[in-house]
Amino acid sequence: MELQYFGANCLRLTTKRVNLVIDDNLASLGLKSITKKDDISLRTSDKFKVEQADFMIDMPGEYEVSGVVIHGIAARGHMDKEDEKNAVIYTLEAGDTKIAILGHIFPELSNDQVEQIGQVDVAVVPVGNSGYTMDGIGALKVIKEIEPRAVIPVHYADKAIKYEVAQVELAEALKGLAMEPAETVAKYKPVSGELTDATKLIVLERQ
């Protein structure tokens, strides 16, 4: 399993058998879409338009595609009212590695949501703040609830991206996370057996 970051919330997860693209709304942000026809497209929120492939997942439920087990969990979006659930948290499991894609959620998880997420190796967490998504402090709250072994921050300020709402710089967001980057890499290949219980921070370079 390999992860690459393309800006905003958009990542590509690649296994030997399939490519999954998460939240590819890059065309609306001044960048180029990365979704190809035979990719699996995932959307974490119904509040923005993403590029669609032949197979798109945008609802809670259980899915299995080419050896990847996908679990979508209904969640309150960051800008939702208290009784709304317009966001989806995904867990993606391939082999012995499990990743949680949190998306633009309100930073309060129920016991049931935490149980459904389960133990994950990597959590991908937006940190851009400005009332649009979680800030570092909100992200840290969620991180403490699910206790991933590694955290990848996304959706922070980038001069190349025309965000609908200006986002904070990564350095500022990391102050709220109270974590120092363990490493900055172009691609990340999480290996469950090599991750320790002490959560480390991975910063992915935008491709």
C-alpha atoms as a PDB file:
ATOM      1  CA  MET A   1       0.000   0.000   0.000  1.00  0.00           C
ATOM      2  CA  GLU A   2       1.310   3.450  -0.952  1.00  0.00           C
ATOM      3  CA  LEU A   3      -0.065   6.924  -0.239  1.00  0.00           C
ATOM      4  CA  GLN A   4       0.517  10.087  -2.280  1.00  0.00           C
ATOM      5  CA  TYR A   5      -0.824  13.581  -1.551  1.00  0.00           C
ATOM      6  CA  PHE A   6      -2.095  15.983  -4.223  1.00  0.00           C
ATOM      7  CA  GLY A   7      -3.337  18.937  -2.172  1.00  0.00           C
ATOM      8  CA  ALA A   8      -6.495  19.838  -0.211  1.00  0.00           C
ATOM      9  CA  ASN A   9      -8.051  16.525   0.932  1.00  0.00           C
ATOM     10  CA  CYS A  10      -6.944  14.598  -2.130  1.00  0.00           C
ATOM     11  CA  LEU A  11      -4.846  11.464  -1.839  1.00  0.00           C
ATOM     12  CA  ARG A  12      -4.184   8.433  -3.993  1.00  0.00           C
ATOM     13  CA  LEU A  13      -3.929   5.055  -2.299  1.00  0.00           C
ATOM     14  CA  THR A  14      -2.283   2.440  -4.480  1.00  0.00           C
ATOM     15  CA  THR A  15      -2.119  -1.305  -3.975  1.00  0.00           C
ATOM     16  CA  LYS A  16      -0.918  -3.995  -6.373  1.00  0.00           C
ATOM     17  CA  ARG A  17      -4.472  -4.414  -7.646  1.00  0.00           C
ATOM     18  CA  VAL A  18      -6.250  -1.062  -7.456  1.00  0.00           C
ATOM     19  CA  ASN A  19      -5.972   2.738  -7.208  1.00  0.00           C
ATOM     20  CA  LEU A  20      -8.286   4.619  -4.859  1.00  0.00           C
ATOM     21  CA  VAL A  21      -8.595   8.407  -5.104  1.00  0.00           C
ATOM     22  CA  ILE A  22     -10.017  10.322  -2.151  1.00  0.00           C
ATOM     23  CA  ASP A  23     -11.748  13.717  -2.492  1.00  0.00           C
ATOM     24  CA  ASP A  24     -10.479  14.759  -5.902  1.00  0.00           C
ATOM     25  CA  ASN A  25     -12.065  18.210  -6.146  1.00  0.00           C
ATOM     26  CA  LEU A  26      -8.759  19.609  -7.396  1.00  0.00           C
ATOM     27  CA  ALA A  27     -10.225  21.014 -10.625  1.00  0.00           C
ATOM     28  CA  SER A  28     -12.382  23.402  -8.596  1.00  0.00           C
ATOM     29  CA  LEU A  29      -9.316  24.546  -6.626  1.00  0.00           C
ATOM     30  CA  GLY A  30      -7.122  25.568  -9.534  1.00  0.00           C
ATOM     31  CA  LEU A  31      -5.254  22.271  -9.868  1.00  0.00           C
ATOM     32  CA  LYS A  32      -5.535  19.341 -12.259  1.00  0.00           C
ATOM     33  CA  SER A  33      -7.729  16.351 -11.458  1.00  0.00           C
ATOM     34  CA  ILE A  34      -5.854  13.086 -10.925  1.00  0.00           C
ATOM     35  CA  THR A  35      -8.806  10.681 -11.216  1.00  0.00           C
ATOM     36  CA  LYS A  36      -8.664   8.129 -14.018  1.00  0.00           C
ATOM     37  CA  LYS A  37     -11.572   6.143 -15.404  1.00  0.00           C
ATOM     38  CA  ASP A  38     -10.594   2.850 -13.757  1.00  0.00           C
ATOM     39  CA  ASP A  39      -9.821   4.354 -10.326  1.00  0.00           C
ATOM     40  CA  ILE A  40     -12.106   3.951  -7.333  1.00  0.00           C
ATOM     41  CA  SER A  41     -13.346   7.423  -6.328  1.00  0.00           C
ATOM     42  CA  LEU A  42     -14.251   8.185  -2.689  1.00  0.00           C
ATOM     43  CA  ARG A  43     -15.990  11.313  -1.407  1.00  0.00           C
ATOM     44  CA  THR A  44     -16.051  12.253   2.283  1.00  0.00           C
ATOM     45  CA  SER A  45     -18.599  15.076   2.011  1.00  0.00           C
ATOM     46  CA  ASP A  46     -21.585  15.900  -0.158  1.00  0.00           C
ATOM     47  CA  LYS A  47     -20.782  19.619   0.096  1.00  0.00           C
ATOM     48  CA  PHE A  48     -18.230  19.618  -2.710  1.00  0.00           C
ATOM     49  CA  LYS A  49     -18.017  18.145  -6.180  1.00  0.00           C
ATOM     50  CA  VAL A  50     -15.343  15.562  -6.894  1.00  0.00           C
ATOM     51  CA  GLU A  51     -14.167  13.923 -10.093  1.00  0.00           C
ATOM     52  CA  GLN A  52     -15.907  10.605 -10.609  1.00  0.00           C
ATOM     53  CA  ALA A  53     -14.517   7.366 -11.938  1.00  0.00           C
ATOM     54  CA  ASP A  54     -16.539   4.358 -13.131  1.00  0.00           C
ATOM     55  CA  PHE A  55     -16.993   3.325  -9.502  1.00  0.00           C
ATOM     56  CA  MET A  56     -17.648   5.951  -6.835  1.00  0.00           C
ATOM     57  CA  ILE A  57     -18.289   5.537  -3.113  1.00  0.00           C
ATOM     58  CA  ASP A  58     -19.884   8.449  -1.263  1.00  0.00           C
ATOM     59  CA  MET A  59     -22.157   6.829   1.315  1.00  0.00           C
ATOM     60  CA  PRO A  60     -21.786   4.910   4.588  1.00  0.00           C
ATOM     61  CA  GLY A  61     -21.607   1.147   4.188  1.00  0.00           C
ATOM     62  CA  GLU A  62     -19.342  -1.833   3.687  1.00  0.00           C
ATOM     63  CA  TYR A  63     -17.498  -2.341   0.410  1.00  0.00           C
ATOM     64  CA  GLU A  64     -14.738  -4.606  -0.854  1.00  0.00           C
ATOM     65  CA  VAL A  65     -12.880  -3.737  -4.029  1.00  0.00           C
ATOM     66  CA  SER A  66      -9.886  -5.666  -5.373  1.00  0.00           C
ATOM     67  CA  GLY A  67      -8.728  -6.761  -1.936  1.00  0.00           C
ATOM     68  CA  VAL A  68      -9.368  -3.426  -0.183  1.00  0.00           C
ATOM     69  CA  VAL A  69     -12.043  -3.486   2.516  1.00  0.00           C
ATOM     70  CA  ILE A  70     -13.765  -0.098   2.753  1.00  0.00           C
ATOM     71  CA  HIS A  71     -15.990   0.891   5.666  1.00  0.00           C
ATOM     72  CA  GLY A  72     -17.934   4.158   5.422  1.00  0.00           C
ATOM     73  CA  ILE A  73     -19.191   5.648   8.692  1.00  0.00           C
ATOM     74  CA  ALA A  74     -21.789   8.434   8.816  1.00  0.00           C
ATOM     75  CA  ALA A  75     -20.498  11.543  10.619  1.00  0.00           C
ATOM     76  CA  ARG A  76     -21.443  15.113  11.372  1.00  0.00           C
ATOM     77  CA  GLY A  77     -19.674  17.438   8.963  1.00  0.00           C
ATOM     78  CA  HIS A  78     -17.715  20.343  10.366  1.00  0.00           C
ATOM     79  CA  MET A  79     -20.293  22.842   9.100  1.00  0.00           C
ATOM     80  CA  ASP A  80     -23.322  20.631   9.772  1.00  0.00           C
ATOM     81  CA  LYS A  81     -26.004  21.346  12.314  1.00  0.00           C
ATOM     82  CA  GLU A  82     -25.962  19.120  15.395  1.00  0.00           C
ATOM     83  CA  ASP A  83     -28.493  16.650  14.025  1.00  0.00           C
ATOM     84  CA  GLU A  84     -26.986  16.419  10.517  1.00  0.00           C
ATOM     85  CA  LYS A  85     -24.582  13.812   9.182  1.00  0.00           C
ATOM     86  CA  ASN A  86     -23.418  14.934   5.762  1.00  0.00           C
ATOM     87  CA  ALA A  87     -19.879  13.579   6.054  1.00  0.00           C
ATOM     88  CA  VAL A  88     -18.446  10.079   5.783  1.00  0.00           C
ATOM     89  CA  ILE A  89     -15.411   8.722   7.623  1.00  0.00           C
ATOM     90  CA  TYR A  90     -13.727   5.881   5.741  1.00  0.00           C
ATOM     91  CA  THR A  91     -11.477   3.121   6.926  1.00  0.00           C
ATOM     92  CA  LEU A  92      -9.465   1.394   4.204  1.00  0.00           C
ATOM     93  CA  GLU A  93      -7.907  -1.962   4.966  1.00  0.00           C
ATOM     94  CA  ALA A  94      -5.514  -3.855   2.723  1.00  0.00           C
ATOM     95  CA  GLY A  95      -3.513  -6.778   4.049  1.00  0.00           C
ATOM     96  CA  ASP A  96      -2.605  -6.002   7.644  1.00  0.00           C
ATOM     97  CA  THR A  97      -2.631  -2.200   7.219  1.00  0.00           C
ATOM     98  CA  LYS A  98      -5.638  -0.007   8.035  1.00  0.00           C
ATOM     99  CA  ILE A  99      -6.059   3.696   7.255  1.00  0.00           C
ATOM    100  CA  ALA A 100      -8.735   6.128   8.473  1.00  0.00           C
ATOM    101  CA  ILE A 101      -9.755   9.043   6.217  1.00  0.00           C
ATOM    102  CA  LEU A 102     -11.465  11.549   8.513  1.00  0.00           C
ATOM    103  CA  GLY A 103     -12.479  14.313   6.112  1.00  0.00           C
ATOM    104  CA  HIS A 104     -14.200  17.548   7.167  1.00  0.00           C
ATOM    105  CA  ILE A 105     -15.858  16.171  10.288  1.00  0.00           C
ATOM    106  CA  PHE A 106     -16.966  17.914  13.451  1.00  0.00           C
ATOM    107  CA  PRO A 107     -14.302  16.965  16.034  1.00  0.00           C
ATOM    108  CA  GLU A 108     -16.546  14.967  18.336  1.00  0.00           C
ATOM    109  CA  LEU A 109     -16.892  11.224  17.816  1.00  0.00           C
ATOM    110  CA  SER A 110     -19.448   9.021  19.511  1.00  0.00           C
ATOM    111  CA  ASN A 111     -18.432   5.798  21.207  1.00  0.00           C
ATOM    112  CA  ASP A 112     -20.101   3.920  18.358  1.00  0.00           C
ATOM    113  CA  GLN A 113     -18.069   5.790  15.736  1.00  0.00           C
ATOM    114  CA  VAL A 114     -14.822   5.152  17.614  1.00  0.00           C
ATOM    115  CA  GLU A 115     -15.720   1.467  17.836  1.00  0.00           C
ATOM    116  CA  GLN A 116     -16.516   1.294  14.118  1.00  0.00           C
ATOM    117  CA  ILE A 117     -13.217   2.980  13.221  1.00  0.00           C
ATOM    118  CA  GLY A 118     -11.338   0.542  15.438  1.00  0.00           C
ATOM    119  CA  GLN A 119      -7.562   0.351  15.661  1.00  0.00           C
ATOM    120  CA  VAL A 120      -5.936   2.076  12.693  1.00  0.00           C
ATOM    121  CA  ASP A 121      -2.339   2.346  11.612  1.00  0.00           C
ATOM    122  CA  VAL A 122      -2.675   5.721   9.874  1.00  0.00           C
ATOM    123  CA  ALA A 123      -5.178   8.583  10.227  1.00  0.00           C
ATOM    124  CA  VAL A 124      -5.459  11.260   7.515  1.00  0.00           C
ATOM    125  CA  VAL A 125      -6.649  14.449   9.211  1.00  0.00           C
ATOM    126  CA  PRO A 126      -7.545  17.909   7.771  1.00  0.00           C
ATOM    127  CA  VAL A 127      -6.088  20.748   9.877  1.00  0.00           C
ATOM    128  CA  GLY A 128      -6.810  23.964   7.917  1.00  0.00           C
ATOM    129  CA  ASN A 129      -9.310  25.565  10.344  1.00  0.00           C
ATOM    130  CA  SER A 130     -10.967  28.913   9.416  1.00  0.00           C
ATOM    131  CA  GLY A 131     -14.373  27.439  10.289  1.00  0.00           C
ATOM    132  CA  TYR A 132     -14.169  25.137   7.256  1.00  0.00           C
ATOM    133  CA  THR A 133     -12.524  22.092   8.777  1.00  0.00           C
ATOM    134  CA  MET A 134     -10.765  21.052  11.970  1.00  0.00           C
ATOM    135  CA  ASP A 135      -7.910  23.053  13.412  1.00  0.00           C
ATOM    136  CA  GLY A 136      -4.899  21.444  15.052  1.00  0.00           C
ATOM    137  CA  ILE A 137      -6.583  21.342  18.459  1.00  0.00           C
ATOM    138  CA  GLY A 138      -9.747  19.705  17.090  1.00  0.00           C
ATOM    139  CA  ALA A 139      -7.658  17.249  15.086  1.00  0.00           C
ATOM    140  CA  LEU A 140      -5.663  16.371  18.193  1.00  0.00           C
ATOM    141  CA  LYS A 141      -8.902  15.659  20.060  1.00  0.00           C
ATOM    142  CA  VAL A 142      -9.940  13.140  17.418  1.00  0.00           C
ATOM    143  CA  ILE A 143      -6.450  11.655  17.264  1.00  0.00           C
ATOM    144  CA  LYS A 144      -6.534  10.997  20.992  1.00  0.00           C
ATOM    145  CA  GLU A 145      -9.877   9.222  20.614  1.00  0.00           C
ATOM    146  CA  ILE A 146      -8.818   6.808  17.878  1.00  0.00           C
ATOM    147  CA  GLU A 147      -5.095   6.527  18.764  1.00  0.00           C
ATOM    148  CA  PRO A 148      -3.567   5.894  15.321  1.00  0.00           C
ATOM    149  CA  ARG A 149       0.079   4.898  15.058  1.00  0.00           C
ATOM    150  CA  ALA A 150       0.753   7.590  12.439  1.00  0.00           C
ATOM    151  CA  VAL A 151      -0.968  10.849  11.439  1.00  0.00           C
ATOM    152  CA  ILE A 152      -0.908  12.564   8.037  1.00  0.00           C
ATOM    153  CA  PRO A 153      -2.160  16.204   8.080  1.00  0.00           C
ATOM    154  CA  VAL A 154      -3.941  17.526   4.970  1.00  0.00           C
ATOM    155  CA  HIS A 155      -5.977  20.533   3.778  1.00  0.00           C
ATOM    156  CA  TYR A 156      -3.733  23.390   4.913  1.00  0.00           C
ATOM    157  CA  ALA A 157      -2.588  26.595   3.191  1.00  0.00           C
ATOM    158  CA  ASP A 158      -0.871  26.183  -0.176  1.00  0.00           C
ATOM    159  CA  LYS A 159      -0.177  29.061  -2.583  1.00  0.00           C
ATOM    160  CA  ALA A 160      -1.065  26.857  -5.551  1.00  0.00           C
ATOM    161  CA  ILE A 161      -4.535  26.046  -4.216  1.00  0.00           C
ATOM    162  CA  LYS A 162      -7.512  28.409  -4.481  1.00  0.00           C
ATOM    163  CA  TYR A 163      -9.427  27.368  -1.380  1.00  0.00           C
ATOM    164  CA  GLU A 164     -13.006  28.531  -0.941  1.00  0.00           C
ATOM    165  CA  VAL A 165     -11.990  29.600   2.568  1.00  0.00           C
ATOM    166  CA  ALA A 166      -8.358  30.518   3.349  1.00  0.00           C
ATOM    167  CA  GLN A 167      -6.617  27.821   5.371  1.00  0.00           C
ATOM    168  CA  VAL A 168      -3.891  28.158   7.995  1.00  0.00           C
ATOM    169  CA  GLU A 169      -0.286  27.286   7.303  1.00  0.00           C
ATOM    170  CA  LEU A 170       0.864  23.781   8.189  1.00  0.00           C
ATOM    171  CA  ALA A 171       3.377  25.089  10.723  1.00  0.00           C
ATOM    172  CA  GLU A 172       0.589  26.912  12.573  1.00  0.00           C
ATOM    173  CA  ALA A 173      -1.685  23.859  12.513  1.00  0.00           C
ATOM    174  CA  LEU A 174       1.084  21.669  13.900  1.00  0.00           C
ATOM    175  CA  LYS A 175       1.278  23.897  16.984  1.00  0.00           C
ATOM    176  CA  GLY A 176      -2.242  22.779  17.863  1.00  0.00           C
ATOM    177  CA  LEU A 177      -1.346  19.177  17.182  1.00  0.00           C
ATOM    178  CA  ALA A 178       1.599  19.538  19.566  1.00  0.00           C
ATOM    179  CA  MET A 179       3.556  17.086  17.416  1.00  0.00           C
ATOM    180  CA  GLU A 180       6.848  17.466  15.630  1.00  0.00           C
ATOM    181  CA  PRO A 181       7.099  16.028  12.098  1.00  0.00           C
ATOM    182  CA  ALA A 182       8.801  12.656  12.257  1.00  0.00           C
ATOM    183  CA  GLU A 183       9.541  12.757   8.548  1.00  0.00           C
ATOM    184  CA  THR A 184       8.599  14.526   5.322  1.00  0.00           C
ATOM    185  CA  VAL A 185       8.276  12.208   2.341  1.00  0.00           C
ATOM    186  CA  ALA A 186       7.001  12.232  -1.243  1.00  0.00           C
ATOM    187  CA  LYS A 187       5.306   8.857  -0.842  1.00  0.00           C
ATOM    188  CA  TYR A 188       4.427   6.874   2.240  1.00  0.00           C
ATOM    189  CA  LYS A 189       4.225   3.096   2.488  1.00  0.00           C
ATOM    190  CA  PRO A 190       2.803   2.231   5.908  1.00  0.00           C
ATOM    191  CA  VAL A 191       3.820  -1.164   7.219  1.00  0.00           C
ATOM    192  CA  SER A 192       1.738  -2.179  10.210  1.00  0.00           C
ATOM    193  CA  GLY A 193       4.436  -4.266  11.850  1.00  0.00           C
ATOM    194  CA  GLU A 194       6.958  -1.399  11.704  1.00  0.00           C
ATOM    195  CA  LEU A 195       4.707   1.176  13.419  1.00  0.00           C
ATOM    196  CA  THR A 196       4.952   1.608  17.164  1.00  0.00           C
ATOM    197  CA  ASP A 197       2.238   2.548  19.654  1.00  0.00           C
ATOM    198  CA  ALA A 198       3.759   6.047  19.960  1.00  0.00           C
ATOM    199  CA  THR A 199       1.910   8.162  17.354  1.00  0.00           C
ATOM    200  CA  LYS A 200       4.237   9.782  14.820  1.00  0.00           C
ATOM    201  CA  LEU A 201       3.559  12.548  12.326  1.00  0.00           C
ATOM    202  CA  ILE A 202       4.131  12.060   8.594  1.00  0.00           C
ATOM    203  CA  VAL A 203       4.063  15.097   6.294  1.00  0.00           C
ATOM    204  CA  LEU A 204       3.433  14.170   2.664  1.00  0.00           C
ATOM    205  CA  GLU A 205       4.786  16.471  -0.024  1.00  0.00           C
ATOM    206  CA  ARG A 206       2.180  17.563  -2.570  1.00  0.00           C
ATOM    207  CA  GLN A 207       2.787  15.850  -5.905  1.00  0.00           C
END
